[in-house]
Structures are given as C-alpha cells and as structure tokens.
Protein backbone atom coordinates (compact mmCIF):
# COMPACT_ATOMS: atom_id res chain seq x y z
CA MET A 1 -15.98 10.31 -16.87
CA ILE A 2 -13.81 8.20 -14.60
CA ASP A 3 -12.52 9.94 -11.48
CA LEU A 4 -8.81 9.22 -11.19
CA THR A 5 -6.72 8.89 -8.03
CA LYS A 6 -3.23 7.66 -7.31
CA GLU A 7 -4.79 4.25 -6.64
CA ASN A 8 -6.35 3.80 -10.09
CA PHE A 9 -4.32 6.09 -12.39
CA ASP A 10 -1.92 3.42 -13.64
CA ALA A 11 -4.67 0.88 -14.34
CA GLU A 12 -7.06 3.35 -16.00
CA VAL A 13 -4.49 5.35 -17.98
CA LEU A 14 -0.98 3.92 -18.23
CA GLU A 15 -2.06 0.29 -18.63
CA SER A 16 -4.95 1.03 -21.02
CA GLU A 17 -5.04 0.14 -24.68
CA GLY A 18 -6.22 2.84 -27.06
CA VAL A 19 -6.77 6.54 -26.42
CA VAL A 20 -7.39 7.97 -22.94
CA PHE A 21 -8.30 11.62 -22.36
CA VAL A 22 -7.47 13.06 -18.93
CA ASP A 23 -8.75 16.42 -17.67
CA PHE A 24 -6.44 17.70 -14.91
CA TRP A 25 -8.62 20.14 -12.95
CA SER A 26 -9.59 21.44 -9.53
CA PRO A 27 -12.94 22.59 -8.13
CA LYS A 28 -11.24 25.82 -6.98
CA CYS A 29 -10.06 26.64 -10.52
CA GLU A 30 -12.53 29.03 -12.20
CA PRO A 31 -11.33 28.29 -15.77
CA CYS A 32 -11.64 24.55 -15.02
CA MET A 33 -15.20 24.95 -13.78
CA GLY A 34 -16.03 27.10 -16.81
CA LEU A 35 -14.81 24.34 -19.14
CA LEU A 36 -16.59 21.55 -17.27
CA PRO A 37 -19.83 21.59 -19.34
CA ASP A 38 -17.79 21.54 -22.58
CA VAL A 39 -15.60 18.70 -21.31
CA GLU A 40 -18.62 16.65 -20.26
CA ALA A 41 -20.31 17.25 -23.64
CA PHE A 42 -17.05 16.26 -25.43
CA ALA A 43 -16.87 13.02 -23.43
CA GLU A 44 -20.54 12.24 -24.07
CA LYS A 45 -20.26 12.97 -27.81
CA ASN A 46 -17.25 10.66 -28.13
CA ALA A 47 -18.36 7.90 -25.75
CA GLY A 48 -17.16 4.52 -26.95
CA ARG A 49 -14.36 6.01 -29.05
CA ALA A 50 -11.92 6.61 -26.18
CA LYS A 51 -11.77 6.54 -22.39
CA PHE A 52 -12.52 9.83 -20.61
CA CYS A 53 -11.13 10.58 -17.18
CA LYS A 54 -10.59 13.49 -14.82
CA LEU A 55 -8.08 14.04 -12.04
CA ASP A 56 -8.69 16.53 -9.25
CA THR A 57 -5.20 17.94 -8.80
CA ALA A 58 -6.05 19.40 -5.37
CA GLY A 59 -6.15 15.93 -3.88
CA ASN A 60 -3.51 14.40 -6.14
CA LYS A 61 -0.73 16.99 -6.38
CA ARG A 62 2.13 14.49 -6.50
CA LEU A 63 0.47 12.52 -9.27
CA ALA A 64 -0.12 15.69 -11.31
CA ILE A 65 3.51 16.75 -10.83
CA ALA A 66 4.70 13.25 -11.77
CA GLN A 67 2.75 13.67 -15.02
CA LYS A 68 4.47 17.07 -15.50
CA VAL A 69 1.20 18.98 -15.14
CA MET A 70 2.22 22.31 -13.64
CA GLY A 71 -0.91 24.37 -14.31
CA ILE A 72 -4.61 23.76 -14.69
CA PRO A 73 -6.73 23.21 -16.61
CA THR A 74 -4.58 20.80 -18.62
CA PHE A 75 -5.88 18.14 -21.00
CA VAL A 76 -3.64 15.16 -21.77
CA PHE A 77 -4.21 12.47 -24.37
CA TYR A 78 -2.51 9.13 -23.73
CA LYS A 79 -2.31 6.41 -26.37
CA ASN A 80 -1.51 2.85 -25.32
CA GLY A 81 -0.17 4.14 -22.00
CA GLU A 82 2.12 6.79 -23.47
CA LYS A 83 1.55 10.54 -23.33
CA ALA A 84 0.54 11.48 -26.87
CA PHE A 85 -0.45 15.16 -26.67
CA VAL A 86 -0.91 17.92 -24.07
CA PHE A 87 -3.18 20.94 -24.18
CA ASN A 88 -1.92 23.43 -21.60
CA LYS A 89 -4.27 25.94 -20.00
CA ASP A 90 -3.66 28.69 -22.55
CA GLU A 91 -4.10 26.36 -25.55
CA ILE A 92 -7.45 24.77 -24.74
CA GLU A 93 -10.04 25.19 -27.48
CA MET A 94 -12.59 22.40 -27.73
CA GLY A 95 -12.55 22.30 -31.54
CA ALA A 96 -8.80 21.63 -31.46
CA VAL A 97 -9.30 19.02 -28.73
CA GLN A 98 -11.87 17.22 -30.91
CA ALA A 99 -9.54 17.39 -33.92
CA LYS A 100 -6.68 15.89 -31.87
CA LEU A 101 -8.90 13.02 -30.68
CA ASP A 102 -9.97 12.30 -34.26
CA GLU A 103 -6.30 12.36 -35.36
CA LEU A 104 -5.19 10.01 -32.56
CA LEU A 105 -7.98 7.57 -33.39
CA GLY A 106 -6.82 7.66 -37.03
C-alpha cells in the first residue's frame, strides 16, 4: 500500500486513472489497527486491479478534513480522480468493501 502525504496525495489519488482505494487511519485508533490485517489482505488479494493507499490522519489532519473525512477509520474509493464511494467507520465490513470494488471496476 502506498503511504500518502500532502505532497503525493494529488498525484497518487486525484490525478490517477482508474480506481484508487484510500484507508484513512491513525496508529492511535484501535478500530483502525484492528482492521489493518484485513485491509492489507484486501489490497494483496486485489493487487493489479486498483491502486491501494493509506493516509495517516494524525500527520495529515488538514488533508483529511479537505477530503471531508471527519472520523476514522474511513475507506474512500476514488475513480478517475473523483470520490466514488465512502465507507464511514460504522459501515465498514470487508465483504461490502470487496463488493464495491468489484462494482466500480465493472
């Protein structure tokens, strides 16, 4: 997974063709850390189908707020640089995340 920062977010996400998955997380967030093995397995299983990235919101608060991420964990799918779907912290279920990726890839 690509580690995002304010320096590379636009190039890796907003200027990318195709589907990009971004995990907005923090190492101090217990639910985020609990999901980490599932997120890594999801990215590995789907390698080559989409781009997989993560953004540590602790060090990039302004960027997270600019993307309208107000709570973590939050998963966001972007397609061709546009926000396509958001899974907020209470909605995250990896089966649904996989189904959304498959749908976005058509």
